[in-house]
């Protein structure tokens, strides 16, 4: 199964593409979509959408795992990130790609084994699990890979439920 992990944003969208088979991960590609701060917001959304279309077409993932949004403070940022997340989900929907959402707590639990792990612990474990020479930069990219790992770990349970109609 090829998993596209996404850490949504409007300035930086982290992405990570992993192949997952027999409980093993293979790194296909990772990086980030950057939008220019001085670009009007609709232009930024258009750039994100077009780059997502390119990634989906080039790497042909089987599914997309994306971080579920939760914000406690800045409402404007929350709304803007939600809009960016919307165009990311639209790109997946156009390709009929199943989308799975995970909370930060679920990602930490899956990658580190502790839902209240520190960001550095998640990044270090992501590097170890994927056998990378260093933690990917920017942080959004490492987060996207962690989200993809989370889906890989969770997909075994999803497959079992599907197979046995649980």
N, C-alpha and C. Protein backbone atom coordinates (compact mmCIF):
# COMPACT_ATOMS: atom_id res chain seq x y z
N UNK A 1 0.85 -1.17 0.00
CA UNK A 1 0.00 0.00 0.00
C UNK A 1 0.90 1.24 0.00
N UNK A 2 0.56 2.18 -0.83
CA UNK A 2 1.30 3.44 -0.89
C UNK A 2 0.47 4.51 -0.16
N UNK A 3 1.08 5.12 0.85
CA UNK A 3 0.42 6.08 1.72
C UNK A 3 1.01 7.47 1.49
N UNK A 4 0.13 8.44 1.29
CA UNK A 4 0.53 9.85 1.23
C UNK A 4 0.14 10.48 2.56
N UNK A 5 1.13 10.89 3.34
CA UNK A 5 0.89 11.59 4.60
C UNK A 5 0.95 13.08 4.36
N UNK A 6 0.02 13.82 4.96
CA UNK A 6 -0.05 15.27 4.76
C UNK A 6 -0.13 15.99 6.11
N UNK A 7 0.73 16.98 6.27
CA UNK A 7 0.63 17.92 7.38
C UNK A 7 0.14 19.23 6.77
N UNK A 8 -1.15 19.55 6.93
CA UNK A 8 -1.73 20.68 6.20
C UNK A 8 -1.30 22.04 6.74
N UNK A 9 -1.25 23.01 5.86
CA UNK A 9 -0.94 24.39 6.18
C UNK A 9 -1.18 25.22 4.94
N UNK A 10 -1.00 26.53 5.05
CA UNK A 10 -1.14 27.35 3.85
C UNK A 10 0.18 27.99 3.45
N UNK A 11 1.13 28.09 4.37
CA UNK A 11 2.47 28.56 4.02
C UNK A 11 3.34 27.37 3.62
N UNK A 12 3.21 26.28 4.40
CA UNK A 12 3.96 25.05 4.14
C UNK A 12 3.01 23.87 4.32
N UNK A 13 2.98 23.01 3.33
CA UNK A 13 2.26 21.74 3.42
C UNK A 13 3.32 20.65 3.37
N UNK A 14 3.46 19.92 4.46
CA UNK A 14 4.41 18.81 4.47
C UNK A 14 3.77 17.59 3.82
N UNK A 15 4.58 16.84 3.06
CA UNK A 15 4.07 15.58 2.50
C UNK A 15 5.14 14.51 2.63
N UNK A 16 4.67 13.28 2.78
CA UNK A 16 5.56 12.13 2.84
C UNK A 16 4.86 10.95 2.20
N UNK A 17 5.56 10.26 1.33
CA UNK A 17 4.99 9.11 0.62
C UNK A 17 5.77 7.87 1.02
N UNK A 18 5.03 6.90 1.58
CA UNK A 18 5.64 5.67 2.06
C UNK A 18 4.95 4.47 1.43
N UNK A 19 5.73 3.46 1.11
CA UNK A 19 5.17 2.16 0.77
C UNK A 19 5.17 1.34 2.05
N UNK A 20 4.04 0.68 2.31
CA UNK A 20 3.89 -0.11 3.54
C UNK A 20 3.43 -1.50 3.16
N UNK A 21 4.27 -2.48 3.50
CA UNK A 21 3.94 -3.86 3.18
C UNK A 21 4.54 -4.78 4.24
N UNK A 22 3.72 -5.69 4.74
CA UNK A 22 4.15 -6.66 5.74
C UNK A 22 4.82 -5.96 6.94
N UNK A 23 4.18 -4.92 7.42
CA UNK A 23 4.64 -4.16 8.60
C UNK A 23 5.99 -3.46 8.39
N UNK A 24 6.37 -3.23 7.14
CA UNK A 24 7.62 -2.52 6.84
C UNK A 24 7.33 -1.31 5.97
N UNK A 25 8.09 -0.25 6.26
CA UNK A 25 7.94 0.98 5.51
C UNK A 25 9.10 1.16 4.54
N UNK A 26 8.77 1.66 3.36
CA UNK A 26 9.78 2.07 2.39
C UNK A 26 9.52 3.52 2.02
N UNK A 27 10.54 4.33 2.09
CA UNK A 27 10.39 5.75 1.76
C UNK A 27 10.41 5.92 0.25
N UNK A 28 9.36 6.57 -0.26
CA UNK A 28 9.28 6.84 -1.70
C UNK A 28 9.75 8.27 -1.96
N UNK A 29 9.18 9.23 -1.23
CA UNK A 29 9.52 10.65 -1.42
C UNK A 29 8.97 11.43 -0.24
N UNK A 30 9.56 12.56 0.02
CA UNK A 30 9.03 13.49 1.01
C UNK A 30 9.52 14.88 0.71
N UNK A 31 8.78 15.86 1.22
CA UNK A 31 9.13 17.25 0.97
C UNK A 31 8.03 18.17 1.46
N UNK A 32 7.99 19.33 0.87
CA UNK A 32 6.99 20.32 1.28
C UNK A 32 6.58 21.17 0.10
N UNK A 33 5.33 21.60 0.17
CA UNK A 33 4.80 22.58 -0.78
C UNK A 33 4.90 23.92 -0.06
N UNK A 34 5.58 24.87 -0.68
CA UNK A 34 5.74 26.21 -0.09
C UNK A 34 4.92 27.21 -0.90
N UNK A 35 4.27 28.13 -0.20
CA UNK A 35 3.61 29.24 -0.89
C UNK A 35 4.22 30.54 -0.41
N UNK A 36 4.28 31.50 -1.30
CA UNK A 36 4.91 32.79 -0.99
C UNK A 36 4.00 33.65 -0.12
N UNK A 37 4.57 34.24 0.90
CA UNK A 37 3.81 35.06 1.84
C UNK A 37 3.13 36.25 1.17
N UNK A 38 3.76 36.83 0.16
CA UNK A 38 3.19 38.03 -0.48
C UNK A 38 2.14 37.69 -1.56
N UNK A 39 1.90 36.39 -1.79
CA UNK A 39 0.88 35.98 -2.76
C UNK A 39 -0.50 36.11 -2.11
N UNK A 40 -1.50 36.55 -2.89
CA UNK A 40 -2.84 36.64 -2.32
C UNK A 40 -3.29 35.23 -1.91
N UNK A 41 -4.18 35.17 -0.93
CA UNK A 41 -4.54 33.88 -0.32
C UNK A 41 -5.13 32.91 -1.34
N UNK A 42 -6.00 33.37 -2.21
CA UNK A 42 -6.56 32.48 -3.23
C UNK A 42 -5.48 31.92 -4.14
N UNK A 43 -4.48 32.72 -4.43
CA UNK A 43 -3.34 32.26 -5.22
C UNK A 43 -2.57 31.17 -4.49
N UNK A 44 -2.44 31.32 -3.17
CA UNK A 44 -1.76 30.30 -2.38
C UNK A 44 -2.54 28.98 -2.43
N UNK A 45 -3.86 29.07 -2.29
CA UNK A 45 -4.69 27.87 -2.35
C UNK A 45 -4.58 27.19 -3.71
N UNK A 46 -4.54 28.00 -4.77
CA UNK A 46 -4.39 27.46 -6.13
C UNK A 46 -3.05 26.72 -6.25
N UNK A 47 -1.98 27.31 -5.72
CA UNK A 47 -0.66 26.67 -5.78
C UNK A 47 -0.67 25.33 -5.05
N UNK A 48 -1.30 25.31 -3.87
CA UNK A 48 -1.37 24.07 -3.10
C UNK A 48 -2.13 23.01 -3.89
N UNK A 49 -3.27 23.39 -4.45
CA UNK A 49 -4.08 22.45 -5.21
C UNK A 49 -3.30 21.89 -6.40
N UNK A 50 -2.66 22.76 -7.15
CA UNK A 50 -1.91 22.31 -8.33
C UNK A 50 -0.75 21.40 -7.95
N UNK A 51 -0.04 21.74 -6.88
CA UNK A 51 1.07 20.89 -6.44
C UNK A 51 0.56 19.54 -5.93
N UNK A 52 -0.60 19.55 -5.25
CA UNK A 52 -1.19 18.29 -4.80
C UNK A 52 -1.58 17.42 -5.99
N UNK A 53 -2.17 18.03 -7.01
CA UNK A 53 -2.52 17.27 -8.22
C UNK A 53 -1.27 16.61 -8.82
N UNK A 54 -0.18 17.37 -8.87
CA UNK A 54 1.08 16.84 -9.41
C UNK A 54 1.57 15.65 -8.58
N UNK A 55 1.58 15.80 -7.26
CA UNK A 55 2.05 14.73 -6.37
C UNK A 55 1.19 13.48 -6.53
N UNK A 56 -0.13 13.68 -6.57
CA UNK A 56 -1.05 12.55 -6.70
C UNK A 56 -0.86 11.83 -8.04
N UNK A 57 -0.65 12.60 -9.08
CA UNK A 57 -0.47 12.01 -10.41
C UNK A 57 0.88 11.30 -10.51
N UNK A 58 1.92 11.89 -9.98
CA UNK A 58 3.26 11.32 -10.11
C UNK A 58 3.44 10.05 -9.26
N UNK A 59 2.96 10.08 -8.00
CA UNK A 59 3.25 8.99 -7.07
C UNK A 59 2.11 7.99 -6.90
N UNK A 60 0.92 8.33 -7.35
CA UNK A 60 -0.23 7.43 -7.34
C UNK A 60 -0.42 6.69 -6.01
N UNK A 61 -0.62 7.43 -4.93
CA UNK A 61 -0.84 6.75 -3.65
C UNK A 61 -2.17 6.01 -3.63
N UNK A 62 -2.27 5.03 -2.74
CA UNK A 62 -3.51 4.27 -2.56
C UNK A 62 -4.46 4.95 -1.59
N UNK A 63 -3.90 5.81 -0.73
CA UNK A 63 -4.71 6.51 0.26
C UNK A 63 -3.94 7.73 0.75
N UNK A 64 -4.66 8.61 1.42
CA UNK A 64 -4.05 9.80 2.00
C UNK A 64 -4.41 9.84 3.48
N UNK A 65 -3.41 10.10 4.31
CA UNK A 65 -3.61 10.30 5.74
C UNK A 65 -3.27 11.76 6.04
N UNK A 66 -4.15 12.43 6.74
CA UNK A 66 -3.99 13.86 6.99
C UNK A 66 -4.27 14.16 8.46
N UNK A 67 -3.57 15.14 8.96
CA UNK A 67 -3.79 15.51 10.36
C UNK A 67 -5.12 16.22 10.52
N UNK A 68 -5.89 15.78 11.50
CA UNK A 68 -7.15 16.43 11.84
C UNK A 68 -6.81 17.74 12.54
N UNK A 69 -7.48 18.80 12.15
CA UNK A 69 -7.18 20.11 12.71
C UNK A 69 -7.76 20.27 14.10
N UNK A 70 -6.97 20.94 14.91
CA UNK A 70 -7.50 21.40 16.18
C UNK A 70 -6.69 22.62 16.60
N UNK A 71 -7.37 23.68 16.87
CA UNK A 71 -6.73 24.93 17.25
C UNK A 71 -7.41 25.45 18.49
N UNK A 72 -6.63 25.98 19.39
CA UNK A 72 -7.21 26.54 20.61
C UNK A 72 -7.07 28.05 20.67
N UNK A 73 -6.22 28.62 19.84
CA UNK A 73 -5.98 30.06 19.96
C UNK A 73 -6.37 30.84 18.71
N UNK A 74 -5.49 30.99 17.76
CA UNK A 74 -5.65 31.90 16.64
C UNK A 74 -6.72 31.43 15.65
N UNK A 75 -7.90 32.07 15.69
CA UNK A 75 -9.01 31.68 14.84
C UNK A 75 -8.73 31.93 13.35
N UNK A 76 -8.05 33.04 13.03
CA UNK A 76 -7.75 33.34 11.63
C UNK A 76 -6.86 32.26 11.04
N UNK A 77 -5.84 31.87 11.78
CA UNK A 77 -4.96 30.80 11.31
C UNK A 77 -5.74 29.51 11.11
N UNK A 78 -6.62 29.19 12.05
CA UNK A 78 -7.42 27.97 11.96
C UNK A 78 -8.26 27.97 10.69
N UNK A 79 -8.89 29.08 10.39
CA UNK A 79 -9.73 29.17 9.20
C UNK A 79 -8.89 29.05 7.93
N UNK A 80 -7.75 29.71 7.89
CA UNK A 80 -6.90 29.63 6.71
C UNK A 80 -6.35 28.22 6.49
N UNK A 81 -5.92 27.57 7.58
CA UNK A 81 -5.42 26.19 7.46
C UNK A 81 -6.55 25.27 7.01
N UNK A 82 -7.75 25.50 7.54
CA UNK A 82 -8.90 24.68 7.15
C UNK A 82 -9.20 24.84 5.65
N UNK A 83 -9.05 26.05 5.13
CA UNK A 83 -9.26 26.25 3.69
C UNK A 83 -8.21 25.51 2.87
N UNK A 84 -6.96 25.57 3.32
CA UNK A 84 -5.90 24.84 2.63
C UNK A 84 -6.17 23.34 2.69
N UNK A 85 -6.59 22.88 3.84
CA UNK A 85 -6.93 21.47 4.01
C UNK A 85 -8.07 21.07 3.06
N UNK A 86 -9.00 21.99 2.85
CA UNK A 86 -10.11 21.74 1.93
C UNK A 86 -9.64 21.51 0.50
N UNK A 87 -8.70 22.32 0.02
CA UNK A 87 -8.22 22.11 -1.36
C UNK A 87 -7.38 20.84 -1.46
N UNK A 88 -6.69 20.49 -0.37
CA UNK A 88 -5.92 19.24 -0.35
C UNK A 88 -6.89 18.05 -0.44
N UNK A 89 -7.96 18.10 0.36
CA UNK A 89 -8.95 17.03 0.32
C UNK A 89 -9.68 16.99 -1.02
N UNK A 90 -9.91 18.14 -1.63
CA UNK A 90 -10.54 18.18 -2.95
C UNK A 90 -9.66 17.47 -3.98
N UNK A 91 -8.37 17.74 -3.95
CA UNK A 91 -7.46 17.08 -4.89
C UNK A 91 -7.55 15.56 -4.73
N UNK A 92 -7.62 15.08 -3.48
CA UNK A 92 -7.74 13.64 -3.23
C UNK A 92 -9.09 13.13 -3.71
N UNK A 93 -10.16 13.89 -3.46
CA UNK A 93 -11.51 13.46 -3.87
C UNK A 93 -11.62 13.33 -5.38
N UNK A 94 -11.00 14.25 -6.11
CA UNK A 94 -11.03 14.19 -7.57
C UNK A 94 -10.39 12.89 -8.07
N UNK A 95 -9.39 12.40 -7.35
CA UNK A 95 -8.72 11.14 -7.72
C UNK A 95 -9.38 9.93 -7.06
N UNK A 96 -10.52 10.14 -6.38
CA UNK A 96 -11.21 9.06 -5.66
C UNK A 96 -10.30 8.37 -4.65
N UNK A 97 -9.45 9.15 -4.02
CA UNK A 97 -8.48 8.63 -3.06
C UNK A 97 -9.10 8.62 -1.67
N UNK A 98 -9.11 7.47 -0.99
CA UNK A 98 -9.64 7.46 0.38
C UNK A 98 -8.76 8.32 1.29
N UNK A 99 -9.40 9.07 2.17
CA UNK A 99 -8.70 9.97 3.09
C UNK A 99 -8.98 9.53 4.52
N UNK A 100 -7.93 9.43 5.32
CA UNK A 100 -8.03 9.05 6.72
C UNK A 100 -7.47 10.19 7.56
N UNK A 101 -8.16 10.51 8.64
CA UNK A 101 -7.75 11.63 9.50
C UNK A 101 -7.24 11.09 10.84
N UNK A 102 -6.20 11.72 11.34
CA UNK A 102 -5.62 11.34 12.63
C UNK A 102 -5.34 12.58 13.45
N UNK A 103 -5.63 12.50 14.73
CA UNK A 103 -5.32 13.59 15.64
C UNK A 103 -3.84 13.55 15.99
N UNK A 104 -3.28 14.67 16.45
CA UNK A 104 -1.88 14.64 16.90
C UNK A 104 -1.64 13.57 17.98
N UNK A 105 -2.61 13.39 18.86
CA UNK A 105 -2.49 12.38 19.92
C UNK A 105 -2.37 10.98 19.32
N UNK A 106 -3.18 10.67 18.30
CA UNK A 106 -3.12 9.37 17.64
C UNK A 106 -1.77 9.17 16.96
N UNK A 107 -1.26 10.21 16.32
CA UNK A 107 0.03 10.11 15.63
C UNK A 107 1.14 9.83 16.64
N UNK A 108 1.16 10.59 17.72
CA UNK A 108 2.18 10.38 18.76
C UNK A 108 2.09 8.98 19.35
N UNK A 109 0.89 8.53 19.64
CA UNK A 109 0.69 7.19 20.21
C UNK A 109 1.20 6.12 19.25
N UNK A 110 0.92 6.28 17.97
CA UNK A 110 1.30 5.29 16.97
C UNK A 110 2.81 5.27 16.72
N UNK A 111 3.43 6.44 16.67
CA UNK A 111 4.85 6.53 16.32
C UNK A 111 5.75 6.31 17.52
N UNK A 112 5.39 6.89 18.66
CA UNK A 112 6.26 6.84 19.85
C UNK A 112 5.75 5.83 20.87
N UNK A 113 4.43 5.59 20.89
CA UNK A 113 3.86 4.71 21.89
C UNK A 113 3.35 5.45 23.10
N UNK A 114 3.36 6.80 23.01
CA UNK A 114 2.91 7.64 24.12
C UNK A 114 2.24 8.87 23.53
N UNK A 115 0.96 9.06 23.82
CA UNK A 115 0.17 10.12 23.20
C UNK A 115 0.56 11.53 23.57
N UNK A 116 1.34 11.68 24.64
CA UNK A 116 1.77 13.03 25.04
C UNK A 116 3.26 13.23 24.81
N UNK A 117 3.80 12.48 23.86
CA UNK A 117 5.22 12.60 23.53
C UNK A 117 5.54 14.00 23.03
N UNK A 118 6.77 14.42 23.23
CA UNK A 118 7.26 15.71 22.73
C UNK A 118 7.52 15.59 21.23
N UNK A 119 7.45 16.74 20.56
CA UNK A 119 7.68 16.78 19.11
C UNK A 119 9.02 16.15 18.72
N UNK A 120 10.07 16.44 19.49
CA UNK A 120 11.40 15.89 19.20
C UNK A 120 11.40 14.37 19.25
N UNK A 121 10.65 13.79 20.19
CA UNK A 121 10.57 12.34 20.29
C UNK A 121 9.91 11.75 19.04
N UNK A 122 8.86 12.41 18.56
CA UNK A 122 8.16 11.94 17.36
C UNK A 122 9.10 12.01 16.16
N UNK A 123 9.83 13.10 16.05
CA UNK A 123 10.76 13.26 14.92
C UNK A 123 11.87 12.21 14.97
N UNK A 124 12.42 11.98 16.17
CA UNK A 124 13.48 10.98 16.31
C UNK A 124 12.99 9.58 15.95
N UNK A 125 11.79 9.23 16.41
CA UNK A 125 11.24 7.90 16.10
C UNK A 125 10.91 7.78 14.61
N UNK A 126 10.43 8.85 14.02
CA UNK A 126 10.15 8.83 12.58
C UNK A 126 11.44 8.53 11.82
N UNK A 127 12.51 9.20 12.19
CA UNK A 127 13.81 8.97 11.56
C UNK A 127 14.24 7.51 11.74
N UNK A 128 14.08 6.98 12.94
CA UNK A 128 14.51 5.59 13.21
C UNK A 128 13.65 4.58 12.45
N UNK A 129 12.32 4.76 12.51
CA UNK A 129 11.42 3.82 11.85
C UNK A 129 11.70 3.75 10.35
N UNK A 130 11.97 4.91 9.76
CA UNK A 130 12.20 4.98 8.31
C UNK A 130 13.67 4.80 7.92
N UNK A 131 14.54 4.64 8.92
CA UNK A 131 15.97 4.44 8.69
C UNK A 131 16.57 5.57 7.84
N UNK A 132 16.26 6.80 8.23
CA UNK A 132 16.77 7.97 7.52
C UNK A 132 18.06 8.46 8.18
N UNK A 133 18.95 9.06 7.41
CA UNK A 133 20.21 9.57 7.95
C UNK A 133 19.98 10.73 8.91
N UNK A 134 18.94 11.50 8.67
CA UNK A 134 18.64 12.64 9.55
C UNK A 134 17.13 12.90 9.53
N UNK A 135 16.69 13.71 10.49
CA UNK A 135 15.28 14.09 10.56
C UNK A 135 14.99 15.01 9.38
N UNK A 136 13.96 14.71 8.58
CA UNK A 136 13.63 15.56 7.44
C UNK A 136 13.27 16.99 7.86
N UNK A 137 13.62 17.92 7.02
CA UNK A 137 13.30 19.33 7.23
C UNK A 137 12.45 19.80 6.07
N UNK A 138 11.56 20.72 6.23
CA UNK A 138 11.17 21.36 7.48
C UNK A 138 10.38 20.40 8.37
N UNK A 139 10.06 20.86 9.57
CA UNK A 139 9.32 20.03 10.53
C UNK A 139 8.02 19.50 9.94
N UNK A 140 7.38 20.27 9.08
CA UNK A 140 6.11 19.86 8.46
C UNK A 140 6.28 18.57 7.67
N UNK A 141 7.45 18.38 7.07
CA UNK A 141 7.73 17.17 6.31
C UNK A 141 7.86 15.98 7.24
N UNK A 142 8.60 16.15 8.33
CA UNK A 142 8.73 15.07 9.32
C UNK A 142 7.36 14.72 9.90
N UNK A 143 6.54 15.73 10.15
CA UNK A 143 5.19 15.49 10.66
C UNK A 143 4.35 14.68 9.66
N UNK A 144 4.47 15.01 8.38
CA UNK A 144 3.72 14.29 7.34
C UNK A 144 4.15 12.82 7.29
N UNK A 145 5.44 12.56 7.43
CA UNK A 145 5.91 11.18 7.45
C UNK A 145 5.37 10.45 8.67
N UNK A 146 5.33 11.13 9.82
CA UNK A 146 4.78 10.52 11.04
C UNK A 146 3.31 10.18 10.85
N UNK A 147 2.57 11.04 10.17
CA UNK A 147 1.15 10.79 9.89
C UNK A 147 1.01 9.57 8.98
N UNK A 148 1.88 9.44 8.00
CA UNK A 148 1.85 8.26 7.11
C UNK A 148 2.19 6.99 7.89
N UNK A 149 3.15 7.07 8.80
CA UNK A 149 3.49 5.92 9.65
C UNK A 149 2.28 5.53 10.49
N UNK A 150 1.64 6.53 11.07
CA UNK A 150 0.44 6.28 11.88
C UNK A 150 -0.59 5.52 11.06
N UNK A 151 -0.83 5.94 9.84
CA UNK A 151 -1.82 5.24 9.02
C UNK A 151 -1.38 3.81 8.72
N UNK A 152 -0.11 3.62 8.44
CA UNK A 152 0.39 2.26 8.20
C UNK A 152 0.10 1.37 9.39
N UNK A 153 0.42 1.86 10.59
CA UNK A 153 0.17 1.07 11.79
C UNK A 153 -1.32 0.83 12.00
N UNK A 154 -2.13 1.83 11.74
CA UNK A 154 -3.58 1.72 11.95
C UNK A 154 -4.26 0.91 10.85
N UNK A 155 -3.67 0.87 9.67
CA UNK A 155 -4.32 0.20 8.55
C UNK A 155 -4.43 -1.30 8.77
N UNK A 156 -3.52 -1.89 9.53
CA UNK A 156 -3.65 -3.32 9.83
C UNK A 156 -4.97 -3.58 10.53
N UNK A 157 -5.33 -2.75 11.49
CA UNK A 157 -6.60 -2.88 12.18
C UNK A 157 -7.77 -2.62 11.26
N UNK A 158 -7.64 -1.64 10.37
CA UNK A 158 -8.71 -1.35 9.42
C UNK A 158 -8.95 -2.54 8.49
N UNK A 159 -7.86 -3.14 8.02
CA UNK A 159 -7.97 -4.30 7.13
C UNK A 159 -8.64 -5.47 7.84
N UNK A 160 -8.26 -5.70 9.08
CA UNK A 160 -8.85 -6.80 9.85
C UNK A 160 -10.35 -6.57 10.03
N UNK A 161 -10.74 -5.34 10.36
CA UNK A 161 -12.17 -5.04 10.54
C UNK A 161 -12.93 -5.25 9.24
N UNK A 162 -12.32 -4.84 8.11
CA UNK A 162 -12.96 -5.01 6.81
C UNK A 162 -13.09 -6.51 6.47
N UNK A 163 -11.99 -7.22 6.68
CA UNK A 163 -11.94 -8.63 6.32
C UNK A 163 -12.97 -9.46 7.11
N UNK A 164 -13.10 -9.13 8.39
CA UNK A 164 -13.99 -9.93 9.26
C UNK A 164 -15.28 -9.21 9.56
N UNK A 165 -15.55 -8.11 8.84
CA UNK A 165 -16.78 -7.35 8.99
C UNK A 165 -17.08 -7.03 10.45
N UNK A 166 -16.04 -6.53 11.12
CA UNK A 166 -16.16 -6.17 12.55
C UNK A 166 -16.69 -4.76 12.68
